[in-house]
PDB file of N, CA and C in Angstrom:
ATOM      1  N   MET A   1       0.846  -1.165   0.000  1.00  0.00           N
ATOM      2  CA  MET A   1       0.000   0.000   0.000  1.00  0.00           C
ATOM      3  C   MET A   1       0.896   1.234   0.000  1.00  0.00           C
ATOM      4  N   ASP A   2       0.613   2.158  -0.898  1.00  0.00           N
ATOM      5  CA  ASP A   2       1.362   3.411  -1.002  1.00  0.00           C
ATOM      6  C   ASP A   2       0.693   4.445  -0.095  1.00  0.00           C
ATOM      7  N   VAL A   3       1.464   4.972   0.871  1.00  0.00           N
ATOM      8  CA  VAL A   3       0.933   5.896   1.868  1.00  0.00           C
ATOM      9  C   VAL A   3       1.773   7.164   1.905  1.00  0.00           C
ATOM     10  N   ILE A   4       1.101   8.307   2.029  1.00  0.00           N
ATOM     11  CA  ILE A   4       1.782   9.562   2.316  1.00  0.00           C
ATOM     12  C   ILE A   4       1.481   9.911   3.763  1.00  0.00           C
ATOM     13  N   ILE A   5       2.532  10.136   4.543  1.00  0.00           N
ATOM     14  CA  ILE A   5       2.390  10.554   5.929  1.00  0.00           C
ATOM     15  C   ILE A   5       2.895  11.988   6.019  1.00  0.00           C
ATOM     16  N   ALA A   6       1.982  12.910   6.312  1.00  0.00           N
ATOM     17  CA  ALA A   6       2.334  14.332   6.389  1.00  0.00           C
ATOM     18  C   ALA A   6       2.254  14.791   7.845  1.00  0.00           C
ATOM     19  N   ASP A   7       3.384  15.177   8.377  1.00  0.00           N
ATOM     20  CA  ASP A   7       3.455  15.678   9.747  1.00  0.00           C
ATOM     21  C   ASP A   7       4.755  16.452   9.882  1.00  0.00           C
ATOM     22  N   ASP A   8       4.719  17.575  10.601  1.00  0.00           N
ATOM     23  CA  ASP A   8       5.931  18.367  10.760  1.00  0.00           C
ATOM     24  C   ASP A   8       6.915  17.731  11.737  1.00  0.00           C
ATOM     25  N   SER A   9       6.498  16.690  12.439  1.00  0.00           N
ATOM     26  CA  SER A   9       7.371  15.984  13.374  1.00  0.00           C
ATOM     27  C   SER A   9       7.862  14.679  12.742  1.00  0.00           C
ATOM     28  N   LYS A  10       9.166  14.585  12.542  1.00  0.00           N
ATOM     29  CA  LYS A  10       9.759  13.361  11.990  1.00  0.00           C
ATOM     30  C   LYS A  10       9.465  12.176  12.906  1.00  0.00           C
ATOM     31  N   ALA A  11       9.542  12.396  14.212  1.00  0.00           N
ATOM     32  CA  ALA A  11       9.267  11.321  15.168  1.00  0.00           C
ATOM     33  C   ALA A  11       7.836  10.802  15.012  1.00  0.00           C
ATOM     34  N   MET A  12       6.888  11.696  14.822  1.00  0.00           N
ATOM     35  CA  MET A  12       5.496  11.278  14.656  1.00  0.00           C
ATOM     36  C   MET A  12       5.310  10.510  13.351  1.00  0.00           C
ATOM     37  N   ARG A  13       5.968  10.942  12.281  1.00  0.00           N
ATOM     38  CA  ARG A  13       5.878  10.204  11.013  1.00  0.00           C
ATOM     39  C   ARG A  13       6.403   8.787  11.199  1.00  0.00           C
ATOM     40  N   MET A  14       7.490   8.644  11.932  1.00  0.00           N
ATOM     41  CA  MET A  14       8.062   7.321  12.178  1.00  0.00           C
ATOM     42  C   MET A  14       7.121   6.463  13.025  1.00  0.00           C
ATOM     43  N   LEU A  15       6.481   7.059  14.033  1.00  0.00           N
ATOM     44  CA  LEU A  15       5.530   6.323  14.874  1.00  0.00           C
ATOM     45  C   LEU A  15       4.325   5.842  14.072  1.00  0.00           C
ATOM     46  N   VAL A  16       3.811   6.693  13.204  1.00  0.00           N
ATOM     47  CA  VAL A  16       2.666   6.317  12.378  1.00  0.00           C
ATOM     48  C   VAL A  16       3.043   5.161  11.450  1.00  0.00           C
ATOM     49  N   LEU A  17       4.196   5.254  10.833  1.00  0.00           N
ATOM     50  CA  LEU A  17       4.657   4.186   9.940  1.00  0.00           C
ATOM     51  C   LEU A  17       4.841   2.882  10.713  1.00  0.00           C
ATOM     52  N   ARG A  18       5.439   2.970  11.870  1.00  0.00           N
ATOM     53  CA  ARG A  18       5.636   1.774  12.696  1.00  0.00           C
ATOM     54  C   ARG A  18       4.298   1.156  13.089  1.00  0.00           C
ATOM     55  N   ALA A  19       3.323   2.000  13.445  1.00  0.00           N
ATOM     56  CA  ALA A  19       2.000   1.497  13.839  1.00  0.00           C
ATOM     57  C   ALA A  19       1.321   0.784  12.669  1.00  0.00           C
ATOM     58  N   LEU A  20       1.428   1.342  11.470  1.00  0.00           N
ATOM     59  CA  LEU A  20       0.834   0.696  10.291  1.00  0.00           C
ATOM     60  C   LEU A  20       1.464  -0.668  10.042  1.00  0.00           C
ATOM     61  N   ARG A  21       2.765  -0.725  10.119  1.00  0.00           N
ATOM     62  CA  ARG A  21       3.462  -2.003   9.886  1.00  0.00           C
ATOM     63  C   ARG A  21       3.160  -3.011  10.995  1.00  0.00           C
ATOM     64  N   HIS A  22       3.089  -2.528  12.233  1.00  0.00           N
ATOM     65  CA  HIS A  22       2.760  -3.395  13.362  1.00  0.00           C
ATOM     66  C   HIS A  22       1.344  -3.958  13.222  1.00  0.00           C
ATOM     67  N   ALA A  23       0.441  -3.194  12.605  1.00  0.00           N
ATOM     68  CA  ALA A  23      -0.935  -3.639  12.383  1.00  0.00           C
ATOM     69  C   ALA A  23      -1.033  -4.642  11.230  1.00  0.00           C
ATOM     70  N   GLY A  24       0.097  -4.887  10.568  1.00  0.00           N
ATOM     71  CA  GLY A  24       0.118  -5.907   9.520  1.00  0.00           C
ATOM     72  C   GLY A  24       0.032  -5.395   8.098  1.00  0.00           C
ATOM     73  N   PHE A  25       0.061  -4.081   7.928  1.00  0.00           N
ATOM     74  CA  PHE A  25       0.011  -3.522   6.584  1.00  0.00           C
ATOM     75  C   PHE A  25       1.388  -3.544   5.939  1.00  0.00           C
ATOM     76  N   SER A  26       1.420  -3.903   4.669  1.00  0.00           N
ATOM     77  CA  SER A  26       2.648  -3.820   3.890  1.00  0.00           C
ATOM     78  C   SER A  26       2.656  -2.418   3.276  1.00  0.00           C
ATOM     79  N   VAL A  27       3.501  -1.543   3.820  1.00  0.00           N
ATOM     80  CA  VAL A  27       3.429  -0.124   3.506  1.00  0.00           C
ATOM     81  C   VAL A  27       4.695   0.368   2.816  1.00  0.00           C
ATOM     82  N   THR A  28       4.490   1.109   1.739  1.00  0.00           N
ATOM     83  CA  THR A  28       5.540   1.920   1.142  1.00  0.00           C
ATOM     84  C   THR A  28       5.162   3.357   1.465  1.00  0.00           C
ATOM     85  N   ALA A  29       5.949   3.989   2.333  1.00  0.00           N
ATOM     86  CA  ALA A  29       5.575   5.320   2.822  1.00  0.00           C
ATOM     87  C   ALA A  29       6.426   6.403   2.184  1.00  0.00           C
ATOM     88  N   ARG A  30       5.745   7.498   1.845  1.00  0.00           N
ATOM     89  CA  ARG A  30       6.424   8.725   1.441  1.00  0.00           C
ATOM     90  C   ARG A  30       6.091   9.754   2.506  1.00  0.00           C
ATOM     91  N   GLU A  31       7.076  10.530   2.906  1.00  0.00           N
ATOM     92  CA  GLU A  31       6.902  11.459   4.015  1.00  0.00           C
ATOM     93  C   GLU A  31       6.950  12.907   3.550  1.00  0.00           C
ATOM     94  N   ALA A  32       6.146  13.736   4.236  1.00  0.00           N
ATOM     95  CA  ALA A  32       6.121  15.171   3.966  1.00  0.00           C
ATOM     96  C   ALA A  32       6.107  15.909   5.307  1.00  0.00           C
ATOM     97  N   ALA A  33       6.852  17.008   5.375  1.00  0.00           N
ATOM     98  CA  ALA A  33       6.933  17.791   6.597  1.00  0.00           C
ATOM     99  C   ALA A  33       5.850  18.863   6.685  1.00  0.00           C
ATOM    100  N   ASP A  34       5.094  19.045   5.602  1.00  0.00           N
ATOM    101  CA  ASP A  34       3.990  20.009   5.605  1.00  0.00           C
ATOM    102  C   ASP A  34       3.064  19.709   4.440  1.00  0.00           C
ATOM    103  N   GLY A  35       1.963  20.428   4.390  1.00  0.00           N
ATOM    104  CA  GLY A  35       0.976  20.188   3.348  1.00  0.00           C
ATOM    105  C   GLY A  35       1.482  20.450   1.944  1.00  0.00           C
ATOM    106  N   LYS A  36       2.349  21.437   1.807  1.00  0.00           N
ATOM    107  CA  LYS A  36       2.886  21.757   0.478  1.00  0.00           C
ATOM    108  C   LYS A  36       3.717  20.593  -0.064  1.00  0.00           C
ATOM    109  N   GLU A  37       4.559  20.014   0.791  1.00  0.00           N
ATOM    110  CA  GLU A  37       5.353  18.851   0.370  1.00  0.00           C
ATOM    111  C   GLU A  37       4.430  17.675   0.039  1.00  0.00           C
ATOM    112  N   ALA A  38       3.396  17.481   0.837  1.00  0.00           N
ATOM    113  CA  ALA A  38       2.454  16.390   0.592  1.00  0.00           C
ATOM    114  C   ALA A  38       1.744  16.578  -0.745  1.00  0.00           C
ATOM    115  N   LEU A  39       1.369  17.811  -1.047  1.00  0.00           N
ATOM    116  CA  LEU A  39       0.707  18.107  -2.313  1.00  0.00           C
ATOM    117  C   LEU A  39       1.606  17.759  -3.493  1.00  0.00           C
ATOM    118  N   GLU A  40       2.883  18.055  -3.385  1.00  0.00           N
ATOM    119  CA  GLU A  40       3.838  17.708  -4.441  1.00  0.00           C
ATOM    120  C   GLU A  40       3.954  16.191  -4.595  1.00  0.00           C
ATOM    121  N   LEU A  41       3.944  15.466  -3.464  1.00  0.00           N
ATOM    122  CA  LEU A  41       4.020  14.004  -3.532  1.00  0.00           C
ATOM    123  C   LEU A  41       2.786  13.412  -4.216  1.00  0.00           C
ATOM    124  N   VAL A  42       1.621  13.986  -3.928  1.00  0.00           N
ATOM    125  CA  VAL A  42       0.383  13.505  -4.555  1.00  0.00           C
ATOM    126  C   VAL A  42       0.421  13.748  -6.061  1.00  0.00           C
ATOM    127  N   LYS A  43       1.013  14.873  -6.470  1.00  0.00           N
ATOM    128  CA  LYS A  43       1.115  15.178  -7.901  1.00  0.00           C
ATOM    129  C   LYS A  43       2.010  14.179  -8.621  1.00  0.00           C
ATOM    130  N   GLU A  44       3.033  13.664  -7.927  1.00  0.00           N
ATOM    131  CA  GLU A  44       3.939  12.674  -8.524  1.00  0.00           C
ATOM    132  C   GLU A  44       3.212  11.364  -8.790  1.00  0.00           C
ATOM    133  N   SER A  45       2.483  10.884  -7.797  1.00  0.00           N
ATOM    134  CA  SER A  45       1.660   9.684  -7.958  1.00  0.00           C
ATOM    135  C   SER A  45       0.624   9.652  -6.842  1.00  0.00           C
ATOM    136  N   VAL A  46      -0.578   9.228  -7.193  1.00  0.00           N
ATOM    137  CA  VAL A  46      -1.688   9.215  -6.247  1.00  0.00           C
ATOM    138  C   VAL A  46      -1.526   8.031  -5.287  1.00  0.00           C
ATOM    139  N   PRO A  47      -1.507   8.303  -3.977  1.00  0.00           N
ATOM    140  CA  PRO A  47      -1.337   7.228  -3.003  1.00  0.00           C
ATOM    141  C   PRO A  47      -2.651   6.492  -2.726  1.00  0.00           C
ATOM    142  N   ASP A  48      -2.524   5.358  -2.050  1.00  0.00           N
ATOM    143  CA  ASP A  48      -3.706   4.624  -1.605  1.00  0.00           C
ATOM    144  C   ASP A  48      -4.309   5.275  -0.359  1.00  0.00           C
ATOM    145  N   LEU A  49      -3.464   5.923   0.437  1.00  0.00           N
ATOM    146  CA  LEU A  49      -3.893   6.496   1.707  1.00  0.00           C
ATOM    147  C   LEU A  49      -3.038   7.709   2.029  1.00  0.00           C
ATOM    148  N   ILE A  50      -3.665   8.740   2.587  1.00  0.00           N
ATOM    149  CA  ILE A  50      -2.944   9.915   3.076  1.00  0.00           C
ATOM    150  C   ILE A  50      -3.294  10.091   4.542  1.00  0.00           C
ATOM    151  N   LEU A  51      -2.280  10.163   5.389  1.00  0.00           N
ATOM    152  CA  LEU A  51      -2.461  10.456   6.806  1.00  0.00           C
ATOM    153  C   LEU A  51      -1.781  11.797   7.056  1.00  0.00           C
ATOM    154  N   SER A  52      -2.562  12.775   7.502  1.00  0.00           N
ATOM    155  CA  SER A  52      -2.025  14.127   7.624  1.00  0.00           C
ATOM    156  C   SER A  52      -2.309  14.734   8.986  1.00  0.00           C
ATOM    157  N   ASP A  53      -1.302  15.415   9.502  1.00  0.00           N
ATOM    158  CA  ASP A  53      -1.458  16.234  10.695  1.00  0.00           C
ATOM    159  C   ASP A  53      -2.323  17.424  10.325  1.00  0.00           C
ATOM    160  N   TRP A  54      -2.951  18.035  11.294  1.00  0.00           N
ATOM    161  CA  TRP A  54      -3.814  19.196  11.060  1.00  0.00           C
ATOM    162  C   TRP A  54      -3.004  20.483  11.100  1.00  0.00           C
ATOM    163  N   ASN A  55      -2.138  20.618  12.117  1.00  0.00           N
ATOM    164  CA  ASN A  55      -1.355  21.838  12.318  1.00  0.00           C
ATOM    165  C   ASN A  55       0.075  21.631  11.843  1.00  0.00           C
ATOM    166  N   MET A  56       0.403  22.252  10.727  1.00  0.00           N
ATOM    167  CA  MET A  56       1.755  22.177  10.173  1.00  0.00           C
ATOM    168  C   MET A  56       2.125  23.547   9.625  1.00  0.00           C
ATOM    169  N   PRO A  57       3.423  23.841   9.564  1.00  0.00           N
ATOM    170  CA  PRO A  57       3.855  25.108   8.970  1.00  0.00           C
ATOM    171  C   PRO A  57       3.707  25.070   7.443  1.00  0.00           C
ATOM    172  N   VAL A  58       3.898  26.181   6.809  1.00  0.00           N
ATOM    173  CA  VAL A  58       3.858  26.360   5.352  1.00  0.00           C
ATOM    174  C   VAL A  58       2.446  26.143   4.800  1.00  0.00           C
ATOM    175  N   MET A  59       1.925  24.923   4.911  1.00  0.00           N
ATOM    176  CA  MET A  59       0.547  24.626   4.505  1.00  0.00           C
ATOM    177  C   MET A  59      -0.026  23.644   5.522  1.00  0.00           C
ATOM    178  N   SER A  60      -1.117  24.034   6.160  1.00  0.00           N
ATOM    179  CA  SER A  60      -1.738  23.180   7.177  1.00  0.00           C
ATOM    180  C   SER A  60      -2.426  21.973   6.536  1.00  0.00           C
ATOM    181  N   GLY A  61      -2.823  21.043   7.369  1.00  0.00           N
ATOM    182  CA  GLY A  61      -3.528  19.866   6.889  1.00  0.00           C
ATOM    183  C   GLY A  61      -4.854  20.218   6.234  1.00  0.00           C
ATOM    184  N   ILE A  62      -5.582  21.189   6.802  1.00  0.00           N
ATOM    185  CA  ILE A  62      -6.875  21.566   6.222  1.00  0.00           C
ATOM    186  C   ILE A  62      -6.682  22.266   4.871  1.00  0.00           C
ATOM    187  N   ASP A  63      -5.636  23.098   4.750  1.00  0.00           N
ATOM    188  CA  ASP A  63      -5.366  23.739   3.462  1.00  0.00           C
ATOM    189  C   ASP A  63      -4.921  22.711   2.420  1.00  0.00           C
ATOM    190  N   PHE A  64      -4.187  21.726   2.854  1.00  0.00           N
ATOM    191  CA  PHE A  64      -3.786  20.615   1.982  1.00  0.00           C
ATOM    192  C   PHE A  64      -5.035  19.887   1.469  1.00  0.00           C
ATOM    193  N   LEU A  65      -5.954  19.572   2.381  1.00  0.00           N
ATOM    194  CA  LEU A  65      -7.190  18.891   1.998  1.00  0.00           C
ATOM    195  C   LEU A  65      -8.008  19.751   1.034  1.00  0.00           C
ATOM    196  N   ARG A  66      -8.119  21.039   1.317  1.00  0.00           N
ATOM    197  CA  ARG A  66      -8.863  21.933   0.423  1.00  0.00           C
ATOM    198  C   ARG A  66      -8.248  21.955  -0.974  1.00  0.00           C
ATOM    199  N   SER A  67      -6.917  21.973  -1.036  1.00  0.00           N
ATOM    200  CA  SER A  67      -6.233  21.959  -2.336  1.00  0.00           C
ATOM    201  C   SER A  67      -6.540  20.683  -3.106  1.00  0.00           C
ATOM    202  N   LEU A  68      -6.561  19.560  -2.396  1.00  0.00           N
ATOM    203  CA  LEU A  68      -6.887  18.285  -3.053  1.00  0.00           C
ATOM    204  C   LEU A  68      -8.325  18.264  -3.556  1.00  0.00           C
ATOM    205  N   LEU A  69      -9.230  18.838  -2.777  1.00  0.00           N
ATOM    206  CA  LEU A  69     -10.642  18.857  -3.176  1.00  0.00           C
ATOM    207  C   LEU A  69     -10.894  19.792  -4.352  1.00  0.00           C
ATOM    208  N   LEU A  70     -10.165  20.912  -4.395  1.00  0.00           N
ATOM    209  CA  LEU A  70     -10.348  21.864  -5.495  1.00  0.00           C
ATOM    210  C   LEU A  70      -9.783  21.341  -6.811  1.00  0.00           C
ATOM    211  N   LYS A  71      -8.670  20.640  -6.723  1.00  0.00           N
ATOM    212  CA  LYS A  71      -8.037  20.097  -7.920  1.00  0.00           C
ATOM    213  C   LYS A  71      -7.542  18.677  -7.628  1.00  0.00           C
ATOM    214  N   PRO A  72      -8.450  17.703  -7.712  1.00  0.00           N
ATOM    215  CA  PRO A  72      -8.068  16.328  -7.417  1.00  0.00           C
ATOM    216  C   PRO A  72      -6.998  15.803  -8.377  1.00  0.00           C
ATOM    217  N   PRO A  73      -6.063  15.018  -7.867  1.00  0.00           N
ATOM    218  CA  PRO A  73      -5.036  14.440  -8.747  1.00  0.00           C
ATOM    219  C   PRO A  73      -5.649  13.371  -9.639  1.00  0.00           C
ATOM    220  N   ARG A  74      -5.019  13.126 -10.735  1.00  0.00           N
ATOM    221  CA  ARG A  74      -5.478  12.062 -11.642  1.00  0.00           C
ATOM    222  C   ARG A  74      -4.806  10.760 -11.271  1.00  0.00           C
ATOM    223  N   ALA A  75      -5.591   9.717 -11.178  1.00  0.00           N
ATOM    224  CA  ALA A  75      -5.071   8.402 -10.814  1.00  0.00           C
ATOM    225  C   ALA A  75      -4.378   7.742 -11.968  1.00  0.00           C
TER     226      ALA A  75
END
């Protein structure tokens, strides 16, 4: 499963990835430190799942979600 984990905390991104793998998911994770980086990752290829923090610098999680809703990526 291709996953984007967006969080400004590297430690939190690692914890989320570890939790997914511990739950038995076979995960290929791409990481973003803010919504803007996550948006660029989505443009490269559409993931199966996006897990995003709400409060991040540069672009918040809600602004990231709004950007995706306004211009959805092509699968």
